[in-house]
Amino acid sequence: MTATLGVPAQHRRTPPPSFAHLSRLTDDTGLLEHARHAVARRAHGYCTDDVARGLVVTSREAEPSPEVQRLAEVYLSFLTHAQHDSGAFHNRLGYDRRWTDDPGLGDWWGRALWGLGTAAARSTAPWIRREAMVAFTLGAARRSPSPHAMAFAGLGAAEVLRREPGNAPAAALLADAAKAVGWPESDPEWSWPGRHLAYASAALAEVVIAAGRFQQDVALLAAGLRMLAWLHDVQLGDGRLSVLPAAGWRRGEPRQRYDQQPIEVAALADACATAASATGDDSWNDGVRQAIGWFLGDNDRDAVMWDPATGGAYDGLTPLGPNLNQGAESTLALIATLQHGRKRVR
């Protein structure tokens, strides 16, 4: 599939985010993880990772429709059911409503706190804000050994702190998340902590920026901005995004071009929006515009990466074009990116 009517993506109107496909994938239990094209694959069940991201995007809606509000309620209920008394979370629930794993502190714990923190800070329903804060506070007492998990949790803490600057558990979690990510190397050829870029890398830079801003730590803020600027630049070619593939990239090794994932695009849009807010520098919104452009066809295959008929996003960009399956993760990435476009891109 090629870009619509040959019009460059940056010159096409940004569509509003659609929750139609998210509704299609959501039942009264949670958000089904996978789809074959636009049809949910029930046999693959649900995962906390995706449900938490669903709570993020539904909570970001300033004027949610009744259907979006229903989705938020389903996602909150799922997360509170997934949470153990220890603050850890199950991740995988079968369609038979049985957990297939033990509670843990992996990425799903971090994303659960991100979703809960966003709901606690932004939901228009007071009861959702209250219940989300209870669950967030329980989970925020834990720490994960994974920098990615800590970064996702830290983003939830940053949301809470925007609403409650004196929230001590959130402040401690955000500070610890920035420490877990670490400091970028001074080499301009690799301005990143560690030697490997994995997935949703921009979230690591974003949490450092958020921590620097909240702590009024100029050096920490500058470190996060340096990380993000470098990450953005290495994923940019001819003015458009060519995001890191699912395989990631290790320093000193050849970089693969495909399979590019929508989650990378959404993470970059989130981080650039946070950088613009933290600095007041509108040039950071170029990254948001480029992220929107990637979905609209301004990418390495000139391929439109979503289906306007369903509202779903395609699961990845391959050498042959889009993977036409429209799963939860890709659709959530599309919604999150377009939400920034509605607020920031003119």
Protein backbone atom coordinates (compact mmCIF):
# COMPACT_ATOMS: atom_id res chain seq x y z
CA MET A 1 0.00 0.00 0.00
CA THR A 2 1.41 3.39 -0.93
CA ALA A 3 0.84 6.86 0.43
CA THR A 4 -2.60 8.19 -0.42
CA LEU A 5 -2.84 9.97 -3.80
CA GLY A 6 0.89 10.59 -3.78
CA VAL A 7 0.52 13.45 -1.30
CA PRO A 8 3.52 13.65 1.07
CA ALA A 9 2.52 12.64 4.58
CA GLN A 10 3.64 15.91 6.13
CA HIS A 11 1.17 17.80 3.92
CA ARG A 12 -1.84 15.63 4.74
CA ARG A 13 -4.24 16.47 7.50
CA THR A 14 -3.65 14.60 10.74
CA PRO A 15 -6.63 12.31 11.35
CA PRO A 16 -8.20 12.29 14.80
CA PRO A 17 -7.49 9.23 16.94
CA SER A 18 -10.09 6.52 16.50
CA PHE A 19 -10.99 4.08 19.26
CA ALA A 20 -13.09 1.90 16.95
CA HIS A 21 -10.59 -0.93 16.61
CA LEU A 22 -9.67 -0.76 20.28
CA SER A 23 -13.37 -1.32 21.03
CA ARG A 24 -13.37 -4.22 18.58
CA LEU A 25 -10.52 -5.88 20.49
CA THR A 26 -12.01 -5.21 23.95
CA ASP A 27 -14.59 -7.36 25.69
CA ASP A 28 -15.91 -7.21 29.26
CA THR A 29 -12.67 -8.73 30.59
CA GLY A 30 -9.88 -6.83 28.87
CA LEU A 31 -8.06 -6.07 25.64
CA LEU A 32 -7.29 -9.03 23.39
CA GLU A 33 -3.63 -8.96 22.39
CA HIS A 34 -3.53 -10.16 18.79
CA ALA A 35 -5.58 -9.96 15.61
CA ARG A 36 -5.59 -11.58 12.19
CA HIS A 37 -6.06 -8.52 10.05
CA ALA A 38 -8.87 -6.77 11.98
CA VAL A 39 -10.35 -9.87 13.68
CA ALA A 40 -9.36 -10.52 17.29
CA ARG A 41 -7.57 -13.80 18.01
CA ARG A 42 -9.31 -14.91 21.16
CA ALA A 43 -7.09 -17.95 21.60
CA HIS A 44 -4.12 -15.66 22.33
CA GLY A 45 -5.83 -14.06 25.31
CA TYR A 46 -4.94 -10.84 27.10
CA CYS A 47 -1.81 -9.25 28.53
CA THR A 48 -1.32 -6.59 31.19
CA ASP A 49 1.20 -4.80 28.95
CA ASP A 50 -1.46 -3.90 26.39
CA VAL A 51 -4.27 -3.27 28.87
CA ALA A 52 -2.04 -0.78 30.71
CA ARG A 53 -1.30 1.07 27.47
CA GLY A 54 -5.03 1.09 26.83
CA LEU A 55 -5.57 2.84 30.15
CA VAL A 56 -2.91 5.40 29.19
CA VAL A 57 -4.59 6.43 25.94
CA THR A 58 -8.14 6.39 27.26
CA SER A 59 -7.10 8.48 30.26
CA ARG A 60 -5.45 11.04 27.98
CA GLU A 61 -8.80 11.95 26.45
CA ALA A 62 -9.91 15.28 27.91
CA GLU A 63 -13.52 14.74 26.79
CA PRO A 64 -13.96 10.97 26.56
CA SER A 65 -17.00 9.58 24.82
CA PRO A 66 -19.13 7.08 26.74
CA GLU A 67 -17.41 4.26 24.81
CA VAL A 68 -13.91 5.50 25.66
CA GLN A 69 -14.97 5.81 29.29
CA ARG A 70 -16.22 2.22 29.18
CA LEU A 71 -12.88 1.07 27.83
CA ALA A 72 -11.05 2.86 30.64
CA GLU A 73 -13.27 1.14 33.22
CA VAL A 74 -12.59 -2.30 31.71
CA TYR A 75 -8.84 -1.66 31.67
CA LEU A 76 -8.75 -0.38 35.24
CA SER A 77 -10.72 -3.41 36.41
CA PHE A 78 -8.32 -5.74 34.60
CA LEU A 79 -5.24 -4.11 36.16
CA THR A 80 -6.62 -4.24 39.68
CA HIS A 81 -7.43 -7.92 39.13
CA ALA A 82 -3.90 -8.53 37.79
CA GLN A 83 -2.25 -6.90 40.81
CA HIS A 84 -1.04 -9.10 43.66
CA ASP A 85 -1.11 -7.93 47.27
CA SER A 86 2.68 -7.51 46.98
CA GLY A 87 2.26 -4.82 44.32
CA ALA A 88 3.53 -7.10 41.53
CA PHE A 89 1.32 -7.98 38.54
CA HIS A 90 0.37 -10.99 36.49
CA ASN A 91 0.91 -10.39 32.78
CA ARG A 92 -0.90 -13.08 30.79
CA LEU A 93 -4.52 -14.10 31.10
CA GLY A 94 -5.96 -16.82 28.87
CA TYR A 95 -9.31 -16.44 27.18
CA ASP A 96 -10.52 -18.97 29.76
CA ARG A 97 -9.89 -16.23 32.40
CA ARG A 98 -7.00 -18.09 34.02
CA TRP A 99 -3.62 -16.53 34.67
CA THR A 100 -0.80 -18.39 32.97
CA ASP A 101 2.04 -16.77 34.94
CA ASP A 102 3.04 -15.73 38.44
CA PRO A 103 3.00 -12.07 39.56
CA GLY A 104 6.21 -10.31 38.63
CA LEU A 105 8.04 -7.02 38.14
CA GLY A 106 8.77 -7.13 34.42
CA ASP A 107 7.81 -4.57 31.80
CA TRP A 108 4.13 -5.26 32.51
CA TRP A 109 4.57 -4.04 36.11
CA GLY A 110 6.11 -0.82 34.80
CA ARG A 111 3.45 -0.31 32.18
CA ALA A 112 0.70 -1.07 34.70
CA LEU A 113 2.02 1.75 36.88
CA TRP A 114 2.22 4.00 33.82
CA GLY A 115 -1.44 3.32 33.07
CA LEU A 116 -2.55 3.66 36.67
CA GLY A 117 -0.54 6.85 37.17
CA THR A 118 -2.03 8.37 34.03
CA ALA A 119 -5.55 7.44 35.12
CA ALA A 120 -4.93 8.81 38.62
CA ALA A 121 -3.76 12.10 37.16
CA ARG A 122 -5.96 12.60 34.12
CA SER A 123 -9.18 10.62 34.24
CA THR A 124 -12.31 12.75 34.15
CA ALA A 125 -14.04 10.29 36.52
CA PRO A 126 -13.19 10.94 40.19
CA TRP A 127 -13.80 7.31 41.16
CA ILE A 128 -11.34 6.10 38.52
CA ARG A 129 -8.73 8.56 39.77
CA ARG A 130 -9.18 7.30 43.33
CA GLU A 131 -9.06 3.59 42.51
CA ALA A 132 -6.11 4.05 40.16
CA MET A 133 -4.18 5.92 42.85
CA VAL A 134 -4.73 3.09 45.36
CA ALA A 135 -3.34 0.53 42.93
CA PHE A 136 -0.51 2.81 41.81
CA THR A 137 0.61 3.45 45.38
CA LEU A 138 0.71 -0.29 46.13
CA GLY A 139 2.80 -1.00 43.03
CA ALA A 140 5.06 2.03 43.45
CA ALA A 141 6.58 0.53 46.59
CA ARG A 142 8.31 -2.12 44.46
CA ARG A 143 11.40 -1.87 42.25
CA SER A 144 12.33 -3.87 39.17
CA PRO A 145 15.85 -4.85 38.09
CA SER A 146 14.92 -3.96 34.50
CA PRO A 147 15.71 -0.38 33.32
CA HIS A 148 12.86 -0.57 30.82
CA ALA A 149 10.35 -1.62 33.47
CA MET A 150 11.59 1.16 35.75
CA ALA A 151 11.32 3.70 32.93
CA PHE A 152 7.69 2.78 32.23
CA ALA A 153 6.87 2.94 35.95
CA GLY A 154 8.67 6.27 36.21
CA LEU A 155 6.47 7.71 33.48
CA GLY A 156 3.45 6.79 35.58
CA ALA A 157 5.07 8.47 38.57
CA ALA A 158 5.67 11.61 36.49
CA GLU A 159 1.96 11.72 35.66
CA VAL A 160 1.04 11.51 39.34
CA LEU A 161 3.51 14.27 40.21
CA ARG A 162 2.00 16.64 37.67
CA ARG A 163 -1.25 16.41 39.63
CA GLU A 164 0.24 15.92 43.12
CA PRO A 165 3.76 17.40 43.27
CA GLY A 166 4.09 16.36 46.92
CA ASN A 167 3.39 12.66 46.34
CA ALA A 168 6.40 11.04 48.04
CA PRO A 169 6.06 7.48 46.63
CA ALA A 170 5.83 8.85 43.10
CA ALA A 171 8.81 11.18 43.61
CA ALA A 172 10.95 8.33 44.95
CA LEU A 173 9.94 6.04 42.08
CA LEU A 174 10.71 8.68 39.44
CA ALA A 175 14.13 9.37 40.95
CA ASP A 176 14.94 5.64 41.09
CA ALA A 177 13.75 5.18 37.50
CA ALA A 178 16.20 7.80 36.23
CA LYS A 179 19.00 6.12 38.19
CA ALA A 180 18.10 2.74 36.72
CA VAL A 181 18.34 4.13 33.19
CA GLY A 182 21.78 5.59 33.87
CA TRP A 183 23.87 8.32 32.32
CA PRO A 184 24.55 8.61 28.58
CA GLU A 185 28.07 8.06 27.32
CA SER A 186 30.00 11.20 26.37
CA ASP A 187 30.85 9.86 22.90
CA PRO A 188 28.69 11.82 20.40
CA GLU A 189 28.65 8.72 18.19
CA TRP A 190 26.81 6.77 20.91
CA SER A 191 25.17 9.12 23.39
CA TRP A 192 23.32 6.41 25.28
CA PRO A 193 23.67 4.38 28.51
CA GLY A 194 25.00 0.95 27.67
CA ARG A 195 25.83 -0.63 24.35
CA HIS A 196 22.42 -1.90 23.24
CA LEU A 197 19.24 -0.22 22.04
CA ALA A 198 16.35 -2.62 22.51
CA TYR A 199 12.70 -1.50 22.23
CA ALA A 200 10.71 1.64 23.06
CA SER A 201 14.11 3.23 23.72
CA ALA A 202 12.74 6.77 23.72
CA ALA A 203 10.86 5.98 26.94
CA LEU A 204 14.22 5.75 28.74
CA ALA A 205 15.21 9.21 27.57
CA GLU A 206 11.75 10.52 28.42
CA VAL A 207 11.86 9.38 32.04
CA VAL A 208 15.28 11.02 32.52
CA ILE A 209 13.85 14.26 31.11
CA ALA A 210 10.83 14.01 33.39
CA ALA A 211 13.01 13.35 36.45
CA GLY A 212 15.31 16.26 35.60
CA ARG A 213 12.35 18.56 35.21
CA PHE A 214 10.64 17.51 38.44
CA GLN A 215 13.85 17.57 40.48
CA GLN A 216 14.92 20.86 38.86
CA ASP A 217 18.21 19.13 38.08
CA VAL A 218 19.66 20.96 35.10
CA ALA A 219 22.35 18.35 34.44
CA LEU A 220 19.88 15.46 34.55
CA LEU A 221 17.47 17.26 32.24
CA ALA A 222 20.30 18.00 29.82
CA ALA A 223 21.35 14.35 29.87
CA GLY A 224 17.85 13.20 28.97
CA LEU A 225 17.59 15.76 26.19
CA ARG A 226 20.98 14.69 24.84
CA MET A 227 19.87 11.06 24.80
CA LEU A 228 16.65 11.92 22.99
CA ALA A 229 18.31 14.19 20.44
CA TRP A 230 20.84 11.49 19.57
CA LEU A 231 18.18 8.76 19.39
CA HIS A 232 16.00 10.91 17.16
CA ASP A 233 18.89 11.73 14.84
CA VAL A 234 20.01 8.12 14.37
CA GLN A 235 16.44 7.21 13.39
CA LEU A 236 16.08 10.01 10.85
CA GLY A 237 16.88 9.80 7.16
CA ASP A 238 15.98 12.34 4.48
CA GLY A 239 13.72 14.12 6.97
CA ARG A 240 11.61 11.09 7.83
CA LEU A 241 11.72 8.38 10.46
CA SER A 242 13.40 5.04 9.91
CA VAL A 243 12.95 3.61 13.38
CA LEU A 244 15.00 0.85 14.93
CA PRO A 245 13.71 -2.64 14.10
CA ALA A 246 12.34 -5.19 16.52
CA ALA A 247 15.79 -6.80 16.70
CA GLY A 248 17.22 -3.61 18.21
CA TRP A 249 20.76 -2.40 17.60
CA ARG A 250 24.02 -3.11 19.38
CA ARG A 251 26.95 -0.71 19.20
CA GLY A 252 29.56 -1.78 16.68
CA GLU A 253 27.22 -4.16 14.85
CA PRO A 254 25.35 -3.62 11.56
CA ARG A 255 21.92 -2.06 11.98
CA GLN A 256 18.99 -3.86 10.40
CA ARG A 257 16.33 -1.81 8.62
CA TYR A 258 13.24 -3.97 9.20
CA ASP A 259 10.98 -5.12 11.00
CA GLN A 260 10.02 -1.59 12.19
CA GLN A 261 7.42 -1.51 14.96
CA PRO A 262 4.79 1.16 15.70
CA ILE A 263 5.74 1.09 19.41
CA GLU A 264 9.07 2.75 18.51
CA VAL A 265 7.27 5.55 16.72
CA ALA A 266 4.84 6.17 19.58
CA ALA A 267 7.63 6.15 22.18
CA LEU A 268 9.50 8.79 20.18
CA ALA A 269 6.37 10.93 19.84
CA ASP A 270 5.75 10.72 23.61
CA ALA A 271 9.33 11.65 24.44
CA CYS A 272 9.48 14.55 21.99
CA ALA A 273 6.21 15.92 23.34
CA THR A 274 7.61 15.71 26.88
CA ALA A 275 10.82 17.44 25.79
CA ALA A 276 8.84 20.25 24.17
CA SER A 277 6.82 20.71 27.36
CA ALA A 278 9.91 20.59 29.60
CA THR A 279 11.93 23.10 27.57
CA GLY A 280 9.35 25.27 25.85
CA ASP A 281 11.25 24.57 22.62
CA ASP A 282 8.75 23.88 19.85
CA SER A 283 11.41 22.33 17.62
CA TRP A 284 11.00 19.11 19.62
CA ASN A 285 7.54 18.83 18.07
CA ASP A 286 9.25 18.07 14.76
CA GLY A 287 9.66 14.57 16.18
CA VAL A 288 5.92 14.37 16.83
CA ARG A 289 5.18 15.46 13.26
CA GLN A 290 7.61 12.89 11.87
CA ALA A 291 6.01 10.17 14.01
CA ILE A 292 2.59 11.03 12.63
CA GLY A 293 4.10 11.08 9.15
CA TRP A 294 5.45 7.54 9.64
CA PHE A 295 1.92 6.22 10.12
CA LEU A 296 0.59 8.25 7.19
CA GLY A 297 3.18 6.87 4.78
CA ASP A 298 6.33 8.92 5.29
CA ASN A 299 8.52 5.89 5.98
CA ASP A 300 11.03 3.62 4.27
CA ARG A 301 8.37 1.89 2.16
CA ASP A 302 6.09 4.90 1.51
CA ALA A 303 3.44 2.69 3.10
CA VAL A 304 0.38 3.88 4.99
CA MET A 305 0.59 2.06 8.34
CA TRP A 306 -3.05 2.06 9.39
CA ASP A 307 -6.47 1.18 8.02
CA PRO A 308 -8.92 4.11 8.11
CA ALA A 309 -11.81 1.69 7.61
CA THR A 310 -11.14 -0.09 10.92
CA GLY A 311 -9.08 2.43 12.90
CA GLY A 312 -6.42 -0.23 13.44
CA ALA A 313 -2.68 0.13 12.88
CA TYR A 314 -0.57 -2.45 11.08
CA ASP A 315 1.72 -4.55 13.22
CA GLY A 316 5.02 -3.73 11.52
CA LEU A 317 6.84 -2.42 8.47
CA THR A 318 8.62 -5.21 6.57
CA PRO A 319 10.75 -5.15 3.41
CA LEU A 320 7.57 -6.02 1.49
CA GLY A 321 5.42 -3.36 3.16
CA PRO A 322 3.02 -3.48 6.10
CA ASN A 323 2.25 -6.56 8.16
CA LEU A 324 -1.52 -6.23 7.76
CA ASN A 325 -2.42 -7.70 11.14
CA GLN A 326 -3.92 -5.05 13.43
CA GLY A 327 -3.05 -6.05 16.98
CA ALA A 328 -3.51 -4.14 20.21
CA GLU A 329 0.07 -2.84 20.58
CA SER A 330 0.22 -1.28 17.12
CA THR A 331 -3.25 0.25 17.39
CA LEU A 332 -2.45 1.74 20.80
CA ALA A 333 0.74 3.21 19.32
CA LEU A 334 -1.26 4.85 16.55
CA ILE A 335 -3.79 6.32 18.97
CA ALA A 336 -1.08 7.66 21.29
CA THR A 337 0.75 9.32 18.41
CA LEU A 338 -2.36 10.90 16.92
CA GLN A 339 -3.34 12.22 20.36
CA HIS A 340 -0.15 14.27 20.36
CA GLY A 341 -0.88 15.44 16.84
CA ARG A 342 -4.31 16.72 17.79
CA LYS A 343 -2.83 18.80 20.60
CA ARG A 344 0.48 19.93 19.13
CA VAL A 345 0.73 19.74 15.37
CA ARG A 346 -0.90 22.45 13.28
